[in-house]
Amino acid sequence: MDPAPVHAMGQIPLVIAVGLRDGLLKLPGADPAAIRIKWPNDLLIGGAKCVGILVESERTPDGRQAVVIGFGVNVASAPEGAPYAVTTLSKGGIIAGVRDVFLSVATGIEGALDLWRQGAHFSDIRLHWLSGAAGIGGPCRVNLPNETIEGRFADLDSSGRLVLDLPDGTRREVSAGDVFLLPRDDAAAVL
């Protein structure tokens, strides 16, 4: 069976982010205010990246859709030299070993996939995602293949796209891009 109808496949990274966040929140020392989701699917602790998610899909020879989900959690160490702030669970106050982290996030992901029901209940995932989102209402920059846009992160639409309020008063939905949350002090410059 395919993981979801074609129109819902783009929601999978958001679903996985919700599940990972839910799993991390079950660990000792986890602070819901500190663990946030950066659109579409990175997890931040205190504003620094701690979890990255990669989703790949491919059509199989028999015509079905296959999806592979990979994610990395910085449990006790993080890569150096990243072009953005990175952190670890342990620096974020979460004291857990790799096994406990794996079991907790696996349970969280399973719960999010069950809630999502192959796209039939994305509205529930959307609300859950928004409750854990980083940067809602704040300025951000989105690097697209042919342009860079800046605006205010206004919402997540009903299909999972980032909704930006642009400085000219228009709205724009973004399906994919590299998002950089800007300090709120820069809001006047962006808007």
N, C-alpha and C. Protein backbone atom coordinates (compact mmCIF):
# COMPACT_ATOMS: atom_id res chain seq x y z
N MET A 1 0.85 -1.18 0.00
CA MET A 1 0.00 0.00 0.00
C MET A 1 0.89 1.24 0.00
N ASP A 2 0.51 2.26 -0.75
CA ASP A 2 1.23 3.53 -0.76
C ASP A 2 1.08 4.20 0.61
N PRO A 3 2.09 5.00 1.01
CA PRO A 3 2.02 5.65 2.33
C PRO A 3 0.90 6.69 2.44
N ALA A 4 0.48 7.23 1.30
CA ALA A 4 -0.58 8.25 1.30
C ALA A 4 -0.95 8.55 -0.14
N PRO A 5 -2.10 9.16 -0.36
CA PRO A 5 -2.42 9.63 -1.70
C PRO A 5 -1.37 10.66 -2.14
N VAL A 6 -1.18 10.79 -3.44
CA VAL A 6 -0.15 11.68 -3.99
C VAL A 6 -0.28 13.10 -3.42
N HIS A 7 -1.50 13.63 -3.30
CA HIS A 7 -1.68 15.00 -2.83
C HIS A 7 -1.22 15.19 -1.37
N ALA A 8 -1.10 14.12 -0.60
CA ALA A 8 -0.72 14.22 0.81
C ALA A 8 0.75 13.88 1.07
N MET A 9 1.48 13.45 0.06
CA MET A 9 2.86 13.03 0.27
C MET A 9 3.74 14.14 0.83
N GLY A 10 3.50 15.37 0.43
CA GLY A 10 4.29 16.49 0.93
C GLY A 10 4.08 16.78 2.40
N GLN A 11 3.07 16.19 3.00
CA GLN A 11 2.79 16.39 4.43
C GLN A 11 3.67 15.52 5.33
N ILE A 12 4.27 14.49 4.75
CA ILE A 12 5.02 13.52 5.56
C ILE A 12 6.11 14.18 6.41
N PRO A 13 6.93 15.10 5.89
CA PRO A 13 7.94 15.72 6.75
C PRO A 13 7.34 16.43 7.97
N LEU A 14 6.18 17.05 7.78
CA LEU A 14 5.52 17.74 8.89
C LEU A 14 5.03 16.74 9.93
N VAL A 15 4.51 15.61 9.46
CA VAL A 15 4.02 14.56 10.36
C VAL A 15 5.18 14.00 11.18
N ILE A 16 6.30 13.74 10.52
CA ILE A 16 7.46 13.18 11.21
C ILE A 16 8.00 14.19 12.23
N ALA A 17 8.01 15.46 11.89
CA ALA A 17 8.47 16.49 12.83
C ALA A 17 7.60 16.51 14.08
N VAL A 18 6.29 16.41 13.90
CA VAL A 18 5.37 16.36 15.05
C VAL A 18 5.69 15.14 15.91
N GLY A 19 5.87 13.99 15.27
CA GLY A 19 6.16 12.77 16.02
C GLY A 19 7.49 12.84 16.76
N LEU A 20 8.50 13.38 16.12
CA LEU A 20 9.81 13.52 16.79
C LEU A 20 9.71 14.46 17.99
N ARG A 21 9.03 15.57 17.80
CA ARG A 21 8.87 16.51 18.92
C ARG A 21 8.12 15.84 20.07
N ASP A 22 7.02 15.15 19.74
CA ASP A 22 6.26 14.47 20.78
C ASP A 22 7.14 13.46 21.52
N GLY A 23 7.96 12.72 20.77
CA GLY A 23 8.84 11.75 21.40
C GLY A 23 9.87 12.41 22.30
N LEU A 24 10.47 13.49 21.85
CA LEU A 24 11.47 14.19 22.68
C LEU A 24 10.83 14.76 23.94
N LEU A 25 9.60 15.22 23.82
CA LEU A 25 8.93 15.81 24.99
C LEU A 25 8.65 14.80 26.10
N LYS A 26 8.73 13.52 25.78
CA LYS A 26 8.51 12.47 26.79
C LYS A 26 9.79 12.17 27.59
N LEU A 27 10.90 12.71 27.16
CA LEU A 27 12.18 12.41 27.83
C LEU A 27 12.39 13.31 29.04
N PRO A 28 13.10 12.81 30.05
CA PRO A 28 13.36 13.61 31.26
C PRO A 28 14.10 14.91 30.93
N GLY A 29 13.60 16.00 31.47
CA GLY A 29 14.23 17.31 31.29
C GLY A 29 13.76 18.07 30.08
N ALA A 30 12.87 17.50 29.27
CA ALA A 30 12.40 18.17 28.07
C ALA A 30 11.52 19.36 28.42
N ASP A 31 11.75 20.48 27.74
CA ASP A 31 11.00 21.70 27.96
C ASP A 31 10.21 22.03 26.70
N PRO A 32 8.86 21.92 26.75
CA PRO A 32 8.05 22.18 25.55
C PRO A 32 8.27 23.57 24.96
N ALA A 33 8.58 24.55 25.80
CA ALA A 33 8.80 25.90 25.29
C ALA A 33 10.11 26.00 24.53
N ALA A 34 11.06 25.13 24.82
CA ALA A 34 12.37 25.19 24.17
C ALA A 34 12.45 24.34 22.91
N ILE A 35 11.69 23.25 22.84
CA ILE A 35 11.75 22.34 21.70
C ILE A 35 10.69 22.77 20.69
N ARG A 36 11.16 23.30 19.56
CA ARG A 36 10.26 23.88 18.57
C ARG A 36 10.55 23.28 17.19
N ILE A 37 9.57 23.35 16.31
CA ILE A 37 9.70 22.86 14.95
C ILE A 37 9.93 24.05 14.02
N LYS A 38 11.00 23.97 13.23
CA LYS A 38 11.26 24.98 12.20
C LYS A 38 10.77 24.42 10.88
N TRP A 39 9.95 25.18 10.17
CA TRP A 39 9.33 24.70 8.95
C TRP A 39 10.39 24.22 7.98
N PRO A 40 10.16 23.10 7.35
CA PRO A 40 9.04 22.22 7.58
C PRO A 40 9.31 21.15 8.63
N ASN A 41 10.61 20.84 8.87
CA ASN A 41 10.83 19.63 9.65
C ASN A 41 12.13 19.57 10.45
N ASP A 42 12.74 20.67 10.76
CA ASP A 42 13.88 20.64 11.68
C ASP A 42 13.35 20.86 13.09
N LEU A 43 14.04 20.30 14.07
CA LEU A 43 13.69 20.57 15.46
C LEU A 43 14.80 21.40 16.08
N LEU A 44 14.38 22.43 16.78
CA LEU A 44 15.30 23.33 17.45
C LEU A 44 15.13 23.18 18.95
N ILE A 45 16.24 23.36 19.65
CA ILE A 45 16.18 23.47 21.11
C ILE A 45 16.83 24.81 21.44
N GLY A 46 16.06 25.69 22.05
CA GLY A 46 16.57 27.01 22.36
C GLY A 46 17.02 27.77 21.13
N GLY A 47 16.40 27.51 19.99
CA GLY A 47 16.71 28.22 18.75
C GLY A 47 17.83 27.59 17.93
N ALA A 48 18.48 26.56 18.43
CA ALA A 48 19.57 25.90 17.71
C ALA A 48 19.11 24.53 17.21
N LYS A 49 19.58 24.16 16.03
CA LYS A 49 19.15 22.90 15.42
C LYS A 49 19.69 21.71 16.20
N CYS A 50 18.79 20.78 16.49
CA CYS A 50 19.15 19.56 17.22
C CYS A 50 18.76 18.31 16.44
N VAL A 51 17.76 18.42 15.58
CA VAL A 51 17.26 17.28 14.82
C VAL A 51 17.03 17.72 13.38
N GLY A 52 17.53 16.91 12.45
CA GLY A 52 17.27 17.12 11.04
C GLY A 52 16.54 15.91 10.47
N ILE A 53 15.66 16.15 9.54
CA ILE A 53 14.84 15.08 8.96
C ILE A 53 15.00 15.14 7.44
N LEU A 54 15.13 13.98 6.83
CA LEU A 54 15.18 13.88 5.38
C LEU A 54 14.18 12.82 4.94
N VAL A 55 13.33 13.19 4.01
CA VAL A 55 12.33 12.27 3.48
C VAL A 55 12.58 12.15 1.97
N GLU A 56 12.72 10.93 1.50
CA GLU A 56 12.90 10.65 0.08
C GLU A 56 11.80 9.70 -0.37
N SER A 57 11.32 9.89 -1.58
CA SER A 57 10.31 8.97 -2.10
C SER A 57 10.65 8.61 -3.54
N GLU A 58 10.16 7.46 -3.93
CA GLU A 58 10.42 6.96 -5.27
C GLU A 58 9.31 6.00 -5.67
N ARG A 59 9.00 6.00 -6.93
CA ARG A 59 8.01 5.07 -7.47
C ARG A 59 8.70 3.72 -7.69
N THR A 60 8.09 2.65 -7.20
CA THR A 60 8.65 1.31 -7.35
C THR A 60 8.28 0.75 -8.73
N PRO A 61 8.97 -0.31 -9.17
CA PRO A 61 8.66 -0.88 -10.49
C PRO A 61 7.20 -1.31 -10.65
N ASP A 62 6.54 -1.67 -9.54
CA ASP A 62 5.13 -2.09 -9.64
C ASP A 62 4.16 -0.90 -9.56
N GLY A 63 4.70 0.33 -9.54
CA GLY A 63 3.86 1.52 -9.57
C GLY A 63 3.50 2.10 -8.21
N ARG A 64 3.90 1.43 -7.15
CA ARG A 64 3.60 1.96 -5.81
C ARG A 64 4.63 3.01 -5.42
N GLN A 65 4.29 3.80 -4.44
CA GLN A 65 5.18 4.84 -3.94
C GLN A 65 5.89 4.32 -2.69
N ALA A 66 7.20 4.42 -2.67
CA ALA A 66 7.98 4.04 -1.49
C ALA A 66 8.56 5.31 -0.86
N VAL A 67 8.55 5.38 0.45
CA VAL A 67 9.08 6.53 1.17
C VAL A 67 10.07 6.04 2.21
N VAL A 68 11.23 6.71 2.24
CA VAL A 68 12.24 6.43 3.25
C VAL A 68 12.41 7.69 4.08
N ILE A 69 12.35 7.53 5.39
CA ILE A 69 12.47 8.66 6.31
C ILE A 69 13.74 8.47 7.12
N GLY A 70 14.59 9.46 7.09
CA GLY A 70 15.79 9.44 7.90
C GLY A 70 15.82 10.67 8.79
N PHE A 71 16.39 10.52 9.96
CA PHE A 71 16.53 11.68 10.82
C PHE A 71 17.76 11.50 11.69
N GLY A 72 18.35 12.61 12.05
CA GLY A 72 19.51 12.60 12.94
C GLY A 72 19.20 13.43 14.16
N VAL A 73 19.50 12.87 15.31
CA VAL A 73 19.28 13.56 16.59
C VAL A 73 20.63 13.75 17.25
N ASN A 74 20.98 14.98 17.55
CA ASN A 74 22.22 15.26 18.27
C ASN A 74 21.96 14.97 19.75
N VAL A 75 22.31 13.77 20.18
CA VAL A 75 22.04 13.38 21.57
C VAL A 75 23.08 13.99 22.51
N ALA A 76 24.35 13.72 22.27
CA ALA A 76 25.40 14.22 23.16
C ALA A 76 26.47 15.01 22.43
N SER A 77 26.48 14.97 21.10
CA SER A 77 27.45 15.75 20.33
C SER A 77 26.76 16.29 19.08
N ALA A 78 27.36 17.35 18.55
CA ALA A 78 26.81 17.99 17.36
C ALA A 78 27.94 18.32 16.41
N PRO A 79 27.64 18.40 15.12
CA PRO A 79 28.69 18.74 14.15
C PRO A 79 29.22 20.15 14.38
N GLU A 80 30.47 20.32 14.08
CA GLU A 80 31.08 21.65 14.19
C GLU A 80 31.11 22.31 12.82
N GLY A 81 31.15 23.62 12.81
CA GLY A 81 31.29 24.36 11.57
C GLY A 81 30.02 24.51 10.76
N ALA A 82 28.88 24.24 11.35
CA ALA A 82 27.61 24.42 10.64
C ALA A 82 27.37 25.91 10.41
N PRO A 83 26.68 26.28 9.33
CA PRO A 83 26.41 27.69 9.06
C PRO A 83 25.27 28.27 9.91
N TYR A 84 24.82 27.51 10.90
CA TYR A 84 23.74 27.92 11.79
C TYR A 84 24.04 27.32 13.16
N ALA A 85 23.34 27.79 14.17
CA ALA A 85 23.55 27.29 15.53
C ALA A 85 23.06 25.85 15.64
N VAL A 86 23.86 25.01 16.28
CA VAL A 86 23.48 23.63 16.54
C VAL A 86 23.64 23.34 18.03
N THR A 87 22.91 22.35 18.51
CA THR A 87 22.99 21.98 19.91
C THR A 87 22.74 20.49 20.05
N THR A 88 22.72 20.04 21.28
CA THR A 88 22.45 18.64 21.59
C THR A 88 21.32 18.55 22.60
N LEU A 89 20.75 17.35 22.70
CA LEU A 89 19.74 17.14 23.72
C LEU A 89 20.32 17.40 25.10
N SER A 90 21.53 16.91 25.35
CA SER A 90 22.10 17.07 26.69
C SER A 90 22.31 18.54 27.03
N LYS A 91 22.75 19.36 26.07
CA LYS A 91 22.89 20.80 26.34
C LYS A 91 21.53 21.45 26.55
N GLY A 92 20.48 20.85 25.98
CA GLY A 92 19.13 21.37 26.16
C GLY A 92 18.44 20.86 27.41
N GLY A 93 19.19 20.15 28.26
CA GLY A 93 18.64 19.69 29.54
C GLY A 93 17.98 18.33 29.50
N ILE A 94 18.03 17.67 28.34
CA ILE A 94 17.43 16.33 28.22
C ILE A 94 18.51 15.30 28.49
N ILE A 95 18.29 14.55 29.54
CA ILE A 95 19.26 13.54 29.93
C ILE A 95 18.71 12.17 29.55
N ALA A 96 19.22 11.63 28.44
CA ALA A 96 18.76 10.33 27.95
C ALA A 96 19.83 9.75 27.05
N GLY A 97 19.95 8.46 27.08
CA GLY A 97 20.88 7.77 26.21
C GLY A 97 20.26 7.53 24.84
N VAL A 98 21.08 7.08 23.91
CA VAL A 98 20.64 6.85 22.54
C VAL A 98 19.46 5.88 22.49
N ARG A 99 19.52 4.81 23.25
CA ARG A 99 18.43 3.82 23.22
C ARG A 99 17.11 4.43 23.66
N ASP A 100 17.13 5.17 24.77
CA ASP A 100 15.90 5.80 25.26
C ASP A 100 15.38 6.85 24.27
N VAL A 101 16.29 7.60 23.66
CA VAL A 101 15.88 8.59 22.65
C VAL A 101 15.22 7.87 21.48
N PHE A 102 15.85 6.81 20.99
CA PHE A 102 15.29 6.07 19.86
C PHE A 102 13.90 5.54 20.17
N LEU A 103 13.75 4.90 21.31
CA LEU A 103 12.45 4.33 21.66
C LEU A 103 11.38 5.41 21.79
N SER A 104 11.76 6.53 22.38
CA SER A 104 10.79 7.60 22.58
C SER A 104 10.37 8.24 21.26
N VAL A 105 11.34 8.52 20.38
CA VAL A 105 10.96 9.16 19.12
C VAL A 105 10.24 8.17 18.20
N ALA A 106 10.61 6.89 18.26
CA ALA A 106 9.89 5.89 17.44
C ALA A 106 8.42 5.84 17.86
N THR A 107 8.16 5.88 19.15
CA THR A 107 6.78 5.89 19.65
C THR A 107 6.07 7.17 19.23
N GLY A 108 6.76 8.30 19.31
CA GLY A 108 6.17 9.57 18.89
C GLY A 108 5.82 9.59 17.42
N ILE A 109 6.73 9.08 16.58
CA ILE A 109 6.47 9.04 15.14
C ILE A 109 5.30 8.12 14.83
N GLU A 110 5.27 6.97 15.47
CA GLU A 110 4.15 6.04 15.26
C GLU A 110 2.82 6.71 15.62
N GLY A 111 2.80 7.44 16.73
CA GLY A 111 1.58 8.14 17.13
C GLY A 111 1.17 9.21 16.13
N ALA A 112 2.14 9.96 15.60
CA ALA A 112 1.82 11.01 14.63
C ALA A 112 1.31 10.40 13.32
N LEU A 113 1.93 9.31 12.88
CA LEU A 113 1.45 8.64 11.67
C LEU A 113 0.03 8.09 11.86
N ASP A 114 -0.24 7.55 13.04
CA ASP A 114 -1.59 7.07 13.34
C ASP A 114 -2.60 8.22 13.32
N LEU A 115 -2.22 9.35 13.89
CA LEU A 115 -3.10 10.53 13.91
C LEU A 115 -3.36 11.04 12.49
N TRP A 116 -2.34 11.06 11.68
CA TRP A 116 -2.41 11.57 10.32
C TRP A 116 -3.29 10.71 9.42
N ARG A 117 -3.25 9.41 9.61
CA ARG A 117 -4.05 8.44 8.84
C ARG A 117 -3.93 8.64 7.33
N GLN A 118 -2.68 8.61 6.86
CA GLN A 118 -2.37 8.71 5.43
C GLN A 118 -2.95 9.97 4.80
N GLY A 119 -2.98 11.05 5.55
CA GLY A 119 -3.44 12.33 5.03
C GLY A 119 -4.89 12.65 5.33
N ALA A 120 -5.64 11.69 5.81
CA ALA A 120 -7.06 11.93 6.07
C ALA A 120 -7.29 12.91 7.21
N HIS A 121 -6.32 13.02 8.11
CA HIS A 121 -6.48 13.90 9.28
C HIS A 121 -5.33 14.90 9.37
N PHE A 122 -4.95 15.46 8.22
CA PHE A 122 -3.86 16.44 8.27
C PHE A 122 -4.25 17.65 9.09
N SER A 123 -5.51 17.99 9.16
CA SER A 123 -5.92 19.16 9.94
C SER A 123 -5.50 18.99 11.41
N ASP A 124 -5.55 17.77 11.94
CA ASP A 124 -5.10 17.52 13.32
C ASP A 124 -3.58 17.68 13.43
N ILE A 125 -2.85 17.16 12.45
CA ILE A 125 -1.40 17.31 12.44
C ILE A 125 -1.03 18.78 12.33
N ARG A 126 -1.72 19.51 11.46
CA ARG A 126 -1.45 20.93 11.28
C ARG A 126 -1.56 21.69 12.60
N LEU A 127 -2.63 21.44 13.35
CA LEU A 127 -2.81 22.12 14.63
C LEU A 127 -1.70 21.74 15.61
N HIS A 128 -1.36 20.48 15.63
CA HIS A 128 -0.28 20.00 16.50
C HIS A 128 1.05 20.63 16.09
N TRP A 129 1.29 20.69 14.79
CA TRP A 129 2.52 21.29 14.27
C TRP A 129 2.58 22.77 14.67
N LEU A 130 1.50 23.48 14.45
CA LEU A 130 1.47 24.91 14.79
C LEU A 130 1.72 25.16 16.27
N SER A 131 1.22 24.27 17.13
CA SER A 131 1.42 24.46 18.57
C SER A 131 2.89 24.32 18.97
N GLY A 132 3.69 23.68 18.14
CA GLY A 132 5.11 23.52 18.43
C GLY A 132 6.02 24.29 17.50
N ALA A 133 5.45 25.18 16.70
CA ALA A 133 6.22 25.86 15.67
C ALA A 133 7.12 26.96 16.22
N ALA A 134 8.28 27.08 15.61
CA ALA A 134 9.19 28.19 15.87
C ALA A 134 8.92 29.29 14.86
N GLY A 135 8.94 30.52 15.32
CA GLY A 135 8.90 31.65 14.40
C GLY A 135 7.56 32.15 13.93
N ILE A 136 6.45 31.54 14.39
CA ILE A 136 5.13 32.03 13.96
C ILE A 136 5.00 33.51 14.35
N GLY A 137 4.60 34.30 13.39
CA GLY A 137 4.41 35.73 13.62
C GLY A 137 5.67 36.55 13.47
N GLY A 138 6.81 35.88 13.29
CA GLY A 138 8.07 36.58 13.18
C GLY A 138 8.60 36.64 11.76
N PRO A 139 9.64 37.42 11.57
CA PRO A 139 10.22 37.55 10.24
C PRO A 139 11.05 36.33 9.86
N CYS A 140 11.07 36.03 8.57
CA CYS A 140 11.91 34.95 8.08
C CYS A 140 12.32 35.21 6.64
N ARG A 141 13.36 34.51 6.26
CA ARG A 141 13.87 34.57 4.90
C ARG A 141 13.76 33.16 4.32
N VAL A 142 13.30 33.06 3.09
CA VAL A 142 13.19 31.76 2.42
C VAL A 142 14.03 31.81 1.16
N ASN A 143 15.02 30.93 1.10
CA ASN A 143 15.84 30.80 -0.10
C ASN A 143 15.20 29.75 -1.00
N LEU A 144 14.79 30.20 -2.18
CA LEU A 144 14.20 29.34 -3.20
C LEU A 144 15.25 29.14 -4.31
N PRO A 145 15.02 28.21 -5.22
CA PRO A 145 16.02 27.98 -6.26
C PRO A 145 16.38 29.23 -7.07
N ASN A 146 15.41 30.10 -7.35
CA ASN A 146 15.68 31.25 -8.21
C ASN A 146 15.51 32.61 -7.54
N GLU A 147 15.20 32.60 -6.26
CA GLU A 147 15.00 33.88 -5.57
C GLU A 147 15.04 33.68 -4.06
N THR A 148 15.17 34.80 -3.38
CA THR A 148 15.08 34.83 -1.92
C THR A 148 13.95 35.78 -1.58
N ILE A 149 13.06 35.32 -0.68
CA ILE A 149 11.96 36.19 -0.27
C ILE A 149 12.01 36.34 1.25
N GLU A 150 11.54 37.49 1.71
CA GLU A 150 11.45 37.74 3.13
C GLU A 150 10.05 38.21 3.45
N GLY A 151 9.61 37.85 4.64
CA GLY A 151 8.29 38.25 5.07
C GLY A 151 8.04 37.78 6.50
N ARG A 152 6.80 37.84 6.91
CA ARG A 152 6.40 37.39 8.24
C ARG A 152 5.78 36.01 8.11
N PHE A 153 6.24 35.08 8.95
CA PHE A 153 5.71 33.72 8.97
C PHE A 153 4.30 33.80 9.56
N ALA A 154 3.29 33.78 8.68
CA ALA A 154 1.91 34.01 9.10
C ALA A 154 1.18 32.75 9.51
N ASP A 155 1.44 31.63 8.81
CA ASP A 155 0.60 30.46 9.05
C ASP A 155 1.19 29.25 8.32
N LEU A 156 0.53 28.14 8.53
CA LEU A 156 0.74 26.90 7.79
C LEU A 156 -0.60 26.62 7.13
N ASP A 157 -0.63 26.52 5.80
CA ASP A 157 -1.93 26.34 5.16
C ASP A 157 -2.43 24.91 5.30
N SER A 158 -3.60 24.66 4.75
CA SER A 158 -4.27 23.37 4.95
C SER A 158 -3.56 22.20 4.27
N SER A 159 -2.57 22.49 3.42
CA SER A 159 -1.81 21.40 2.82
C SER A 159 -0.39 21.32 3.36
N GLY A 160 -0.01 22.24 4.26
CA GLY A 160 1.30 22.20 4.89
C GLY A 160 2.29 23.21 4.36
N ARG A 161 1.84 24.08 3.45
CA ARG A 161 2.76 25.10 2.92
C ARG A 161 2.92 26.25 3.92
N LEU A 162 4.12 26.82 3.92
CA LEU A 162 4.43 27.99 4.72
C LEU A 162 3.73 29.20 4.10
N VAL A 163 3.03 29.96 4.90
CA VAL A 163 2.35 31.15 4.41
C VAL A 163 3.11 32.37 4.93
N LEU A 164 3.57 33.19 3.98
CA LEU A 164 4.31 34.41 4.31
C LEU A 164 3.48 35.64 3.99
N ASP A 165 3.45 36.59 4.92
CA ASP A 165 2.93 37.92 4.64
C ASP A 165 4.11 38.73 4.13
N LEU A 166 4.02 39.22 2.92
CA LEU A 166 5.12 39.95 2.29
C LEU A 166 5.03 41.45 2.59
N PRO A 167 6.15 42.15 2.49
CA PRO A 167 6.15 43.59 2.80
C PRO A 167 5.18 44.41 1.95
N ASP A 168 4.84 43.93 0.75
CA ASP A 168 3.92 44.69 -0.10
C ASP A 168 2.45 44.44 0.23
N GLY A 169 2.20 43.66 1.31
CA GLY A 169 0.83 43.39 1.74
C GLY A 169 0.20 42.15 1.14
N THR A 170 0.92 41.45 0.27
CA THR A 170 0.40 40.22 -0.31
C THR A 170 0.84 39.03 0.53
N ARG A 171 0.22 37.89 0.23
CA ARG A 171 0.57 36.63 0.89
C ARG A 171 1.16 35.70 -0.15
N ARG A 172 2.08 34.85 0.31
CA ARG A 172 2.67 33.87 -0.60
C ARG A 172 2.81 32.54 0.13
N GLU A 173 2.43 31.47 -0.55
CA GLU A 173 2.58 30.13 0.00
C GLU A 173 3.85 29.52 -0.58
N VAL A 174 4.61 28.86 0.29
CA VAL A 174 5.87 28.25 -0.11
C VAL A 174 5.79 26.76 0.16
N SER A 175 6.06 25.97 -0.88
CA SER A 175 6.01 24.51 -0.74
C SER A 175 7.34 23.92 -0.33
N ALA A 176 8.44 24.54 -0.73
CA ALA A 176 9.77 24.03 -0.40
C ALA A 176 10.76 25.18 -0.46
N GLY A 177 11.72 25.16 0.42
CA GLY A 177 12.75 26.19 0.46
C GLY A 177 13.52 26.11 1.75
N ASP A 178 14.67 26.78 1.78
CA ASP A 178 15.47 26.86 3.00
C ASP A 178 15.00 28.07 3.79
N VAL A 179 14.50 27.83 4.99
CA VAL A 179 13.93 28.89 5.82
C VAL A 179 14.93 29.30 6.90
N PHE A 180 15.08 30.60 7.06
CA PHE A 180 15.92 31.15 8.11
C PHE A 180 15.07 32.10 8.93
N LEU A 181 14.90 31.78 10.20
CA LEU A 181 14.14 32.65 11.09
C LEU A 181 15.03 33.82 11.45
N LEU A 182 14.49 35.02 11.33
CA LEU A 182 15.25 36.23 11.59
C LEU A 182 14.93 36.75 12.98
N PRO A 183 15.88 37.44 13.59
CA PRO A 183 15.58 38.03 14.90
C PRO A 183 14.39 38.97 14.79
N ARG A 184 13.57 38.96 15.80
CA ARG A 184 12.38 39.81 15.77
C ARG A 184 12.73 41.29 15.71
N ASP A 185 13.92 41.67 16.12
CA ASP A 185 14.36 43.06 16.01
C ASP A 185 14.44 43.51 14.56
N ASP A 186 14.62 42.55 13.63
CA ASP A 186 14.70 42.86 12.21
C ASP A 186 13.32 42.94 11.56
N ALA A 187 12.25 42.75 12.34
CA ALA A 187 10.92 42.69 11.77
C ALA A 187 10.55 43.96 11.00
N ALA A 188 10.94 45.09 11.53
CA ALA A 188 10.60 46.35 10.86
C ALA A 188 11.28 46.42 9.50
N ALA A 189 12.50 45.88 9.41
CA ALA A 189 13.21 45.92 8.13
C ALA A 189 12.57 44.98 7.12
N VAL A 190 12.05 43.84 7.58
CA VAL A 190 11.45 42.86 6.67
C VAL A 190 10.06 43.29 6.27
N LEU A 191 9.30 43.80 7.19
CA LEU A 191 7.91 44.17 6.90
C LEU A 191 7.84 45.64 6.77
